[in-house]
Amino acid sequence: MAKKDKGAQTIRLKSTESGHMYHTRKNKRNHPNRMELTKYDPLVMKRVLYREEKK
């Protein structure tokens, strides 16, 4: 069975247009800075910028 990755963390990506959030995992060793992704926001029905938010 595969071991759980020690460098990976669960993060929240929050929309810049609304309050919608996605939950995903990222490896802190490979991506030490905050993530910014363009994803679909179902509340405004378009693709918007999502930023990693503090826990």
Protein backbone atom coordinates (compact mmCIF):
# COMPACT_ATOMS: atom_id res chain seq x y z
CA MET A 1 0.00 0.00 0.00
CA ALA A 2 1.23 3.51 -0.76
CA LYS A 3 2.42 5.74 2.08
CA LYS A 4 0.87 9.12 2.69
CA ASP A 5 3.02 11.96 1.37
CA LYS A 6 4.62 13.93 4.21
CA GLY A 7 5.08 17.09 2.11
CA ALA A 8 1.45 17.37 1.00
CA GLN A 9 -1.12 19.52 2.78
CA THR A 10 -4.83 20.12 2.30
CA ILE A 11 -5.51 23.73 1.28
CA ARG A 12 -8.54 25.90 0.52
CA LEU A 13 -8.82 27.90 -2.68
CA LYS A 14 -11.21 30.85 -2.37
CA SER A 15 -12.83 32.68 -5.29
CA THR A 16 -11.94 36.35 -5.82
CA GLU A 17 -15.48 37.02 -7.15
CA SER A 18 -17.68 35.23 -4.58
CA GLY A 19 -17.44 33.17 -1.41
CA HIS A 20 -17.14 29.81 -3.18
CA MET A 21 -14.23 27.54 -2.16
CA TYR A 22 -12.47 24.46 -3.49
CA HIS A 23 -10.44 22.06 -1.32
CA THR A 24 -7.33 20.45 -2.79
CA ARG A 25 -3.90 19.13 -1.85
CA LYS A 26 -0.50 20.58 -2.65
CA ASN A 27 3.08 19.58 -1.97
CA LYS A 28 4.81 22.30 0.05
CA ARG A 29 8.26 21.22 -1.16
CA ASN A 30 7.36 21.65 -4.83
CA HIS A 31 5.15 24.76 -4.40
CA PRO A 32 6.26 26.78 -1.36
CA ASN A 33 4.37 29.95 -2.39
CA ARG A 34 0.61 30.45 -2.36
CA MET A 35 -1.31 28.93 -5.26
CA GLU A 36 -3.42 30.89 -7.74
CA LEU A 37 -5.58 28.95 -10.20
CA THR A 38 -8.31 29.82 -12.65
CA LYS A 39 -11.30 27.57 -11.99
CA TYR A 40 -15.05 27.56 -12.64
CA ASP A 41 -17.19 29.40 -10.07
CA PRO A 42 -20.76 28.02 -10.07
CA LEU A 43 -22.14 31.06 -8.20
CA VAL A 44 -21.17 33.57 -10.92
CA MET A 45 -21.19 30.92 -13.69
CA LYS A 46 -17.78 31.75 -15.19
CA ARG A 47 -14.09 31.01 -14.75
CA VAL A 48 -12.47 33.21 -12.10
CA LEU A 49 -9.21 33.41 -10.17
CA TYR A 50 -8.99 31.30 -7.00
CA ARG A 51 -6.32 32.06 -4.41
CA GLU A 52 -4.99 29.91 -1.60
CA GLU A 53 -6.31 31.17 1.72
CA LYS A 54 -4.84 30.96 5.23
CA LYS A 55 -6.14 28.31 7.59
